Amino acid sequence: MRINNSTARTIDIIRLLAERDTPLTLTEISNSLAIPKTSTYDIVATLMDRNILEYENRSFKTIQLGLGLFEITLLALGKRDLHRVARPYLDQILERTGETVYLAVENNGEVVYLEKAEGSAAVRYSADLGTRLPLYCTGLGKAILAAFPDEKVREIVAGFSMRSFTPQTITNVMDLQEELAATRLRGYAIDNQEVTEGIFCVAAPIYGAGNKPVAAISIASGSSMLQDGKMDKLGAIIAEKALVISRKMGFSKEALF
């Protein structure tokens, strides 16, 4: 495997600043790592543009780690903790229901599927791990959106086109907001064949510290979900487990919505 020299230098600069007790100037960084000053400047300027580094003192041009690096670190640690905390409950839901269970997080207006629990009798839902789908048409995505106020929802969905996947897909903001209002009252979100015909989902958000939505879990099933109040039963289960996971992640409220 070939090492990229610029990437290696970038990591070395971040590590150097993390190890030092005091901020450093550009010259001090260059001399400490034996990197040409022009290369050091280019790397540092890029990292500062991304808030990975910042000036500690503009007059003296001393540089320190920026808030952007801490944000990335917290996100990474949060997702690692989320996976560890949530996995046993995904298995519990699968054992209790026999249906496919998913865990996903939001990223740039989409849900990203991180984990699933799937038994031999479970519906073979099409979302593989790593799959990205829009928030507005998935149970997972609508569960996360319902955790935000309407103004934030409009801001999120404004960044992409609400295209149709099936005849059931919600494709305008007004209908979506009505659906999210119903979600909050119901206590869980529904995907009524909006991505894949014949597949139904119920989902609920997971919150972390600061009571911010960080993820969602869902149960996917076939048309049997419409029989004998099964959807309500599965919705209650997914909401119950989402609340338990949320509390373990630092959520302090008594209900999801």
C-alpha atoms as a PDB file:
ATOM      1  CA  MET A   1       0.000   0.000   0.000  1.00  0.00           C
ATOM      2  CA  ARG A   2       1.451   3.380  -1.035  1.00  0.00           C
ATOM      3  CA  ILE A   3       1.509   6.184   1.553  1.00  0.00           C
ATOM      4  CA  ASN A   4       0.283   9.618   0.470  1.00  0.00           C
ATOM      5  CA  ASN A   5       2.904  12.090   1.678  1.00  0.00           C
ATOM      6  CA  SER A   6       0.527  15.060   2.039  1.00  0.00           C
ATOM      7  CA  THR A   7      -1.974  13.019   4.046  1.00  0.00           C
ATOM      8  CA  ALA A   8       0.795  11.708   6.308  1.00  0.00           C
ATOM      9  CA  ARG A   9       2.025  15.254   6.924  1.00  0.00           C
ATOM     10  CA  THR A  10      -1.514  16.400   7.740  1.00  0.00           C
ATOM     11  CA  ILE A  11      -1.862  13.698  10.382  1.00  0.00           C
ATOM     12  CA  ASP A  12       1.595  14.505  11.768  1.00  0.00           C
ATOM     13  CA  ILE A  13       0.643  18.188  12.166  1.00  0.00           C
ATOM     14  CA  ILE A  14      -2.595  17.341  13.997  1.00  0.00           C
ATOM     15  CA  ARG A  15      -0.772  14.874  16.253  1.00  0.00           C
ATOM     16  CA  LEU A  16       2.010  17.379  16.988  1.00  0.00           C
ATOM     17  CA  LEU A  17      -0.465  20.039  18.098  1.00  0.00           C
ATOM     18  CA  ALA A  18      -2.340  17.466  20.187  1.00  0.00           C
ATOM     19  CA  GLU A  19       0.847  16.398  21.977  1.00  0.00           C
ATOM     20  CA  ARG A  20       2.207  19.888  22.708  1.00  0.00           C
ATOM     21  CA  ASP A  21       1.091  21.753  25.809  1.00  0.00           C
ATOM     22  CA  THR A  22       1.176  25.141  24.059  1.00  0.00           C
ATOM     23  CA  PRO A  23       0.060  26.370  20.603  1.00  0.00           C
ATOM     24  CA  LEU A  24       2.719  26.581  17.879  1.00  0.00           C
ATOM     25  CA  THR A  25       3.538  28.994  15.086  1.00  0.00           C
ATOM     26  CA  LEU A  26       3.724  27.916  11.466  1.00  0.00           C
ATOM     27  CA  THR A  27       7.526  28.062  11.629  1.00  0.00           C
ATOM     28  CA  GLU A  28       7.612  25.930  14.777  1.00  0.00           C
ATOM     29  CA  ILE A  29       5.375  23.312  13.137  1.00  0.00           C
ATOM     30  CA  SER A  30       7.547  23.317  10.011  1.00  0.00           C
ATOM     31  CA  ASN A  31      10.796  22.979  11.979  1.00  0.00           C
ATOM     32  CA  SER A  32       9.453  20.347  14.393  1.00  0.00           C
ATOM     33  CA  LEU A  33       8.346  18.050  11.586  1.00  0.00           C
ATOM     34  CA  ALA A  34      10.959  18.970   8.983  1.00  0.00           C
ATOM     35  CA  ILE A  35       8.250  19.889   6.503  1.00  0.00           C
ATOM     36  CA  PRO A  36       8.949  22.705   4.017  1.00  0.00           C
ATOM     37  CA  LYS A  37       7.287  25.921   5.155  1.00  0.00           C
ATOM     38  CA  THR A  38       5.271  26.290   1.941  1.00  0.00           C
ATOM     39  CA  SER A  39       3.842  22.769   2.334  1.00  0.00           C
ATOM     40  CA  THR A  40       3.138  23.413   6.006  1.00  0.00           C
ATOM     41  CA  TYR A  41       1.302  26.624   5.110  1.00  0.00           C
ATOM     42  CA  ASP A  42      -0.880  24.884   2.515  1.00  0.00           C
ATOM     43  CA  ILE A  43      -1.856  22.071   4.900  1.00  0.00           C
ATOM     44  CA  VAL A  44      -2.482  24.368   7.862  1.00  0.00           C
ATOM     45  CA  ALA A  45      -4.541  26.795   5.742  1.00  0.00           C
ATOM     46  CA  THR A  46      -6.749  23.922   4.549  1.00  0.00           C
ATOM     47  CA  LEU A  47      -7.204  22.556   8.071  1.00  0.00           C
ATOM     48  CA  MET A  48      -8.081  26.024   9.354  1.00  0.00           C
ATOM     49  CA  ASP A  49     -10.638  26.450   6.577  1.00  0.00           C
ATOM     50  CA  ARG A  50     -12.282  23.245   7.809  1.00  0.00           C
ATOM     51  CA  ASN A  51     -12.083  24.344  11.489  1.00  0.00           C
ATOM     52  CA  ILE A  52      -9.740  21.462  12.298  1.00  0.00           C
ATOM     53  CA  LEU A  53      -7.142  24.045  13.372  1.00  0.00           C
ATOM     54  CA  GLU A  54      -7.584  27.623  14.560  1.00  0.00           C
ATOM     55  CA  TYR A  55      -5.559  30.600  15.750  1.00  0.00           C
ATOM     56  CA  GLU A  56      -4.991  30.679  19.481  1.00  0.00           C
ATOM     57  CA  ASN A  57      -3.588  34.211  19.132  1.00  0.00           C
ATOM     58  CA  ARG A  58      -3.884  36.023  15.798  1.00  0.00           C
ATOM     59  CA  SER A  59      -1.284  38.626  16.719  1.00  0.00           C
ATOM     60  CA  PHE A  60       1.389  36.007  17.425  1.00  0.00           C
ATOM     61  CA  LYS A  61       0.016  33.609  14.752  1.00  0.00           C
ATOM     62  CA  THR A  62      -0.021  30.723  17.207  1.00  0.00           C
ATOM     63  CA  ILE A  63      -2.086  27.727  16.111  1.00  0.00           C
ATOM     64  CA  GLN A  64      -4.027  25.152  18.095  1.00  0.00           C
ATOM     65  CA  LEU A  65      -6.549  22.379  17.471  1.00  0.00           C
ATOM     66  CA  GLY A  66      -9.958  23.695  16.414  1.00  0.00           C
ATOM     67  CA  LEU A  67     -13.508  22.855  17.397  1.00  0.00           C
ATOM     68  CA  GLY A  68     -14.068  21.012  14.125  1.00  0.00           C
ATOM     69  CA  LEU A  69     -11.685  18.262  15.210  1.00  0.00           C
ATOM     70  CA  PHE A  70     -13.479  17.844  18.528  1.00  0.00           C
ATOM     71  CA  GLU A  71     -16.849  17.695  16.732  1.00  0.00           C
ATOM     72  CA  ILE A  72     -15.584  14.915  14.456  1.00  0.00           C
ATOM     73  CA  THR A  73     -14.131  13.049  17.435  1.00  0.00           C
ATOM     74  CA  LEU A  74     -17.371  13.298  19.392  1.00  0.00           C
ATOM     75  CA  LEU A  75     -19.381  12.076  16.383  1.00  0.00           C
ATOM     76  CA  ALA A  76     -17.070   9.102  15.921  1.00  0.00           C
ATOM     77  CA  LEU A  77     -17.140   8.194  19.614  1.00  0.00           C
ATOM     78  CA  GLY A  78     -20.896   8.682  19.715  1.00  0.00           C
ATOM     79  CA  LYS A  79     -21.453   6.299  16.824  1.00  0.00           C
ATOM     80  CA  ARG A  80     -19.168   3.718  18.401  1.00  0.00           C
ATOM     81  CA  ASP A  81     -21.067   3.983  21.671  1.00  0.00           C
ATOM     82  CA  LEU A  82     -24.377   3.929  19.806  1.00  0.00           C
ATOM     83  CA  HIS A  83     -23.497   0.661  18.104  1.00  0.00           C
ATOM     84  CA  ARG A  84     -22.380  -0.922  21.383  1.00  0.00           C
ATOM     85  CA  VAL A  85     -25.476   0.240  23.284  1.00  0.00           C
ATOM     86  CA  ALA A  86     -28.044  -0.465  20.573  1.00  0.00           C
ATOM     87  CA  ARG A  87     -26.945  -3.882  19.314  1.00  0.00           C
ATOM     88  CA  PRO A  88     -28.370  -5.979  22.190  1.00  0.00           C
ATOM     89  CA  TYR A  89     -31.755  -4.290  21.790  1.00  0.00           C
ATOM     90  CA  LEU A  90     -31.824  -4.968  18.050  1.00  0.00           C
ATOM     91  CA  ASP A  91     -31.322  -8.636  18.885  1.00  0.00           C
ATOM     92  CA  GLN A  92     -34.065  -8.484  21.520  1.00  0.00           C
ATOM     93  CA  ILE A  93     -36.519  -6.987  19.029  1.00  0.00           C
ATOM     94  CA  LEU A  94     -35.666  -9.642  16.444  1.00  0.00           C
ATOM     95  CA  GLU A  95     -36.156 -12.425  19.001  1.00  0.00           C
ATOM     96  CA  ARG A  96     -39.481 -10.939  20.095  1.00  0.00           C
ATOM     97  CA  THR A  97     -40.910 -10.201  16.631  1.00  0.00           C
ATOM     98  CA  GLY A  98     -39.055 -12.338  14.100  1.00  0.00           C
ATOM     99  CA  GLU A  99     -38.793  -9.272  11.843  1.00  0.00           C
ATOM    100  CA  THR A 100     -35.801  -7.439  10.388  1.00  0.00           C
ATOM    101  CA  VAL A 101     -34.523  -4.655  12.641  1.00  0.00           C
ATOM    102  CA  TYR A 102     -32.361  -1.740  11.483  1.00  0.00           C
ATOM    103  CA  LEU A 103     -30.231   0.963  13.073  1.00  0.00           C
ATOM    104  CA  ALA A 104     -29.401   4.065  11.012  1.00  0.00           C
ATOM    105  CA  VAL A 105     -27.989   7.564  11.438  1.00  0.00           C
ATOM    106  CA  GLU A 106     -28.646  10.801   9.563  1.00  0.00           C
ATOM    107  CA  ASN A 107     -26.036  12.236   7.215  1.00  0.00           C
ATOM    108  CA  ASN A 108     -26.598  15.145   4.812  1.00  0.00           C
ATOM    109  CA  GLY A 109     -30.337  14.648   4.486  1.00  0.00           C
ATOM    110  CA  GLU A 110     -30.149  10.870   4.190  1.00  0.00           C
ATOM    111  CA  VAL A 111     -30.274   7.876   6.492  1.00  0.00           C
ATOM    112  CA  VAL A 112     -27.265   5.584   6.468  1.00  0.00           C
ATOM    113  CA  TYR A 113     -27.941   2.002   7.551  1.00  0.00           C
ATOM    114  CA  LEU A 114     -25.341   1.001  10.152  1.00  0.00           C
ATOM    115  CA  GLU A 115     -26.575  -2.253  11.654  1.00  0.00           C
ATOM    116  CA  LYS A 116     -29.300  -4.859  11.319  1.00  0.00           C
ATOM    117  CA  ALA A 117     -30.596  -7.944  13.049  1.00  0.00           C
ATOM    118  CA  GLU A 118     -32.103 -10.410  10.616  1.00  0.00           C
ATOM    119  CA  GLY A 119     -33.446 -13.893  11.259  1.00  0.00           C
ATOM    120  CA  SER A 120     -34.174 -16.676   8.792  1.00  0.00           C
ATOM    121  CA  ALA A 121     -37.891 -15.942   8.898  1.00  0.00           C
ATOM    122  CA  ALA A 122     -37.477 -12.184   8.503  1.00  0.00           C
ATOM    123  CA  VAL A 123     -38.511 -10.298   5.382  1.00  0.00           C
ATOM    124  CA  ARG A 124     -35.478  -9.827   3.142  1.00  0.00           C
ATOM    125  CA  TYR A 125     -35.586  -6.075   2.991  1.00  0.00           C
ATOM    126  CA  SER A 126     -33.438  -4.476   0.271  1.00  0.00           C
ATOM    127  CA  ALA A 127     -31.413  -2.093   2.448  1.00  0.00           C
ATOM    128  CA  ASP A 128     -27.903  -3.489   2.935  1.00  0.00           C
ATOM    129  CA  LEU A 129     -25.585  -1.984   5.503  1.00  0.00           C
ATOM    130  CA  GLY A 130     -24.155   1.256   4.173  1.00  0.00           C
ATOM    131  CA  THR A 131     -27.251   1.929   2.060  1.00  0.00           C
ATOM    132  CA  ARG A 132     -28.213   5.615   1.914  1.00  0.00           C
ATOM    133  CA  LEU A 133     -31.843   6.674   1.433  1.00  0.00           C
ATOM    134  CA  PRO A 134     -33.627  10.048   1.762  1.00  0.00           C
ATOM    135  CA  LEU A 135     -35.052  11.002   5.139  1.00  0.00           C
ATOM    136  CA  TYR A 136     -38.482  11.979   3.819  1.00  0.00           C
ATOM    137  CA  CYS A 137     -39.557   8.562   2.532  1.00  0.00           C
ATOM    138  CA  THR A 138     -38.158   6.088   5.067  1.00  0.00           C
ATOM    139  CA  GLY A 139     -39.542   5.199   8.460  1.00  0.00           C
ATOM    140  CA  LEU A 140     -36.091   5.736   9.945  1.00  0.00           C
ATOM    141  CA  GLY A 141     -35.763   9.125   8.301  1.00  0.00           C
ATOM    142  CA  LYS A 142     -39.216  10.305   9.295  1.00  0.00           C
ATOM    143  CA  ALA A 143     -38.565   9.229  12.881  1.00  0.00           C
ATOM    144  CA  ILE A 144     -35.480  11.467  12.938  1.00  0.00           C
ATOM    145  CA  LEU A 145     -37.267  14.351  11.184  1.00  0.00           C
ATOM    146  CA  ALA A 146     -40.167  14.175  13.653  1.00  0.00           C
ATOM    147  CA  ALA A 147     -37.675  14.891  16.433  1.00  0.00           C
ATOM    148  CA  PHE A 148     -37.007  18.324  14.896  1.00  0.00           C
ATOM    149  CA  PRO A 149     -39.300  21.377  14.788  1.00  0.00           C
ATOM    150  CA  ASP A 150     -41.029  22.097  11.455  1.00  0.00           C
ATOM    151  CA  GLU A 151     -38.658  24.961  10.627  1.00  0.00           C
ATOM    152  CA  LYS A 152     -35.658  22.640  10.891  1.00  0.00           C
ATOM    153  CA  VAL A 153     -37.475  20.019   8.799  1.00  0.00           C
ATOM    154  CA  ARG A 154     -38.071  22.554   6.013  1.00  0.00           C
ATOM    155  CA  GLU A 155     -34.401  23.523   6.129  1.00  0.00           C
ATOM    156  CA  ILE A 156     -33.295  19.892   5.846  1.00  0.00           C
ATOM    157  CA  VAL A 157     -35.587  18.874   2.988  1.00  0.00           C
ATOM    158  CA  ALA A 158     -34.916  22.083   1.047  1.00  0.00           C
ATOM    159  CA  GLY A 159     -31.545  20.656   0.100  1.00  0.00           C
ATOM    160  CA  PHE A 160     -32.858  17.856  -2.122  1.00  0.00           C
ATOM    161  CA  SER A 161     -35.634  16.927  -4.514  1.00  0.00           C
ATOM    162  CA  MET A 162     -38.457  14.838  -3.025  1.00  0.00           C
ATOM    163  CA  ARG A 163     -38.597  12.298  -5.831  1.00  0.00           C
ATOM    164  CA  SER A 164     -41.004   9.376  -5.909  1.00  0.00           C
ATOM    165  CA  PHE A 165     -39.845   5.794  -5.322  1.00  0.00           C
ATOM    166  CA  THR A 166     -43.336   4.230  -5.370  1.00  0.00           C
ATOM    167  CA  PRO A 167     -46.894   5.565  -5.758  1.00  0.00           C
ATOM    168  CA  GLN A 168     -46.975   5.832  -1.941  1.00  0.00           C
ATOM    169  CA  THR A 169     -43.958   8.159  -1.599  1.00  0.00           C
ATOM    170  CA  ILE A 170     -44.583  11.546   0.014  1.00  0.00           C
ATOM    171  CA  THR A 171     -43.223  14.142  -2.408  1.00  0.00           C
ATOM    172  CA  ASN A 172     -44.098  17.547  -0.934  1.00  0.00           C
ATOM    173  CA  VAL A 173     -43.221  19.333   2.285  1.00  0.00           C
ATOM    174  CA  MET A 174     -46.790  20.034   3.431  1.00  0.00           C
ATOM    175  CA  ASP A 175     -47.767  16.351   3.297  1.00  0.00           C
ATOM    176  CA  LEU A 176     -44.499  15.438   4.992  1.00  0.00           C
ATOM    177  CA  GLN A 177     -45.143  17.859   7.854  1.00  0.00           C
ATOM    178  CA  GLU A 178     -48.645  16.438   8.332  1.00  0.00           C
ATOM    179  CA  GLU A 179     -47.122  12.959   8.467  1.00  0.00           C
ATOM    180  CA  LEU A 180     -44.525  14.091  11.008  1.00  0.00           C
ATOM    181  CA  ALA A 181     -47.236  15.642  13.186  1.00  0.00           C
ATOM    182  CA  ALA A 182     -49.062  12.288  13.110  1.00  0.00           C
ATOM    183  CA  THR A 183     -45.783  10.545  13.938  1.00  0.00           C
ATOM    184  CA  ARG A 184     -45.326  12.638  17.091  1.00  0.00           C
ATOM    185  CA  LEU A 185     -48.865  11.881  18.245  1.00  0.00           C
ATOM    186  CA  ARG A 186     -48.558   8.198  17.403  1.00  0.00           C
ATOM    187  CA  GLY A 187     -45.140   7.830  19.012  1.00  0.00           C
ATOM    188  CA  TYR A 188     -43.481   6.159  16.038  1.00  0.00           C
ATOM    189  CA  ALA A 189     -43.001   6.701  12.304  1.00  0.00           C
ATOM    190  CA  ILE A 190     -44.409   4.596   9.458  1.00  0.00           C
ATOM    191  CA  ASP A 191     -43.060   3.759   6.025  1.00  0.00           C
ATOM    192  CA  ASN A 192     -46.107   2.621   4.078  1.00  0.00           C
ATOM    193  CA  GLN A 193     -44.376   1.073   1.040  1.00  0.00           C
ATOM    194  CA  GLU A 194     -42.805   4.450   0.281  1.00  0.00           C
ATOM    195  CA  VAL A 195     -39.407   3.072  -0.783  1.00  0.00           C
ATOM    196  CA  THR A 196     -40.214  -0.506  -1.761  1.00  0.00           C
ATOM    197  CA  GLU A 197     -43.665  -1.800  -2.668  1.00  0.00           C
ATOM    198  CA  GLY A 198     -44.784  -4.545  -0.305  1.00  0.00           C
ATOM    199  CA  ILE A 199     -42.451  -3.437   2.518  1.00  0.00           C
ATOM    200  CA  PHE A 200     -43.762  -1.646   5.604  1.00  0.00           C
ATOM    201  CA  CYS A 201     -41.681  -0.211   8.450  1.00  0.00           C
ATOM    202  CA  VAL A 202     -42.235   1.269  11.875  1.00  0.00           C
ATOM    203  CA  ALA A 203     -39.440   3.371  13.362  1.00  0.00           C
ATOM    204  CA  ALA A 204     -38.539   5.546  16.327  1.00  0.00           C
ATOM    205  CA  PRO A 205     -35.755   8.058  16.989  1.00  0.00           C
ATOM    206  CA  ILE A 206     -32.796   7.609  19.302  1.00  0.00           C
ATOM    207  CA  TYR A 207     -31.579  10.653  21.207  1.00  0.00           C
ATOM    208  CA  GLY A 208     -28.223  11.308  22.808  1.00  0.00           C
ATOM    209  CA  ALA A 209     -26.793  13.719  25.347  1.00  0.00           C
ATOM    210  CA  GLY A 210     -28.389  17.147  25.078  1.00  0.00           C
ATOM    211  CA  ASN A 211     -31.609  15.424  23.954  1.00  0.00           C
ATOM    212  CA  LYS A 212     -30.529  15.668  20.296  1.00  0.00           C
ATOM    213  CA  PRO A 213     -31.666  13.012  17.791  1.00  0.00           C
ATOM    214  CA  VAL A 214     -28.665  10.918  16.774  1.00  0.00           C
ATOM    215  CA  ALA A 215     -30.168   7.879  15.056  1.00  0.00           C
ATOM    216  CA  ALA A 216     -33.273   5.723  14.636  1.00  0.00           C
ATOM    217  CA  ILE A 217     -34.271   2.065  14.751  1.00  0.00           C
ATOM    218  CA  SER A 218     -36.925   0.351  12.661  1.00  0.00           C
ATOM    219  CA  ILE A 219     -38.751  -2.922  12.117  1.00  0.00           C
ATOM    220  CA  ALA A 220     -39.340  -3.914   8.489  1.00  0.00           C
ATOM    221  CA  SER A 221     -42.072  -6.357   7.497  1.00  0.00           C
ATOM    222  CA  GLY A 222     -44.356  -7.363   4.655  1.00  0.00           C
ATOM    223  CA  SER A 223     -48.091  -6.945   4.216  1.00  0.00           C
ATOM    224  CA  SER A 224     -48.705  -8.994   7.381  1.00  0.00           C
ATOM    225  CA  MET A 225     -47.955  -5.793   9.297  1.00  0.00           C
ATOM    226  CA  LEU A 226     -51.449  -4.607   8.313  1.00  0.00           C
ATOM    227  CA  GLN A 227     -53.182  -7.559   9.991  1.00  0.00           C
ATOM    228  CA  ASP A 228     -54.760  -7.659  13.460  1.00  0.00           C
ATOM    229  CA  GLY A 229     -53.235  -4.448  14.739  1.00  0.00           C
ATOM    230  CA  LYS A 230     -49.717  -5.767  14.159  1.00  0.00           C
ATOM    231  CA  MET A 231     -48.416  -2.353  13.100  1.00  0.00           C
ATOM    232  CA  ASP A 232     -49.483  -0.778  16.403  1.00  0.00           C
ATOM    233  CA  LYS A 233     -47.907  -3.634  18.355  1.00  0.00           C
ATOM    234  CA  LEU A 234     -44.611  -3.373  16.475  1.00  0.00           C
ATOM    235  CA  GLY A 235     -44.704   0.417  16.731  1.00  0.00           C
ATOM    236  CA  ALA A 236     -45.075   0.192  20.497  1.00  0.00           C
ATOM    237  CA  ILE A 237     -42.126  -2.214  20.689  1.00  0.00           C
ATOM    238  CA  ILE A 238     -39.836  -0.056  18.558  1.00  0.00           C
ATOM    239  CA  ALA A 239     -40.746   3.087  20.527  1.00  0.00           C
ATOM    240  CA  GLU A 240     -40.165   1.311  23.838  1.00  0.00           C
ATOM    241  CA  LYS A 241     -36.702   0.083  22.846  1.00  0.00           C
ATOM    242  CA  ALA A 242     -35.754   3.411  21.243  1.00  0.00           C
ATOM    243  CA  LEU A 243     -36.517   5.151  24.537  1.00  0.00           C
ATOM    244  CA  VAL A 244     -34.410   2.648  26.494  1.00  0.00           C
ATOM    245  CA  ILE A 245     -31.457   3.097  24.113  1.00  0.00           C
ATOM    246  CA  SER A 246     -31.880   6.877  24.207  1.00  0.00           C
ATOM    247  CA  ARG A 247     -31.730   6.947  27.997  1.00  0.00           C
ATOM    248  CA  LYS A 248     -28.552   4.900  27.931  1.00  0.00           C
ATOM    249  CA  MET A 249     -27.144   7.445  25.465  1.00  0.00           C
ATOM    250  CA  GLY A 250     -27.886  10.358  27.797  1.00  0.00           C
ATOM    251  CA  PHE A 251     -31.476  11.321  26.883  1.00  0.00           C
ATOM    252  CA  SER A 252     -33.192  12.900  29.884  1.00  0.00           C
ATOM    253  CA  LYS A 253     -36.845  13.195  28.844  1.00  0.00           C
ATOM    254  CA  GLU A 254     -39.678  10.794  29.641  1.00  0.00           C
ATOM    255  CA  ALA A 255     -40.969  10.347  26.071  1.00  0.00           C
ATOM    256  CA  LEU A 256     -39.562  10.369  22.549  1.00  0.00           C
ATOM    257  CA  PHE A 257     -41.870  13.176  21.364  1.00  0.00           C
END
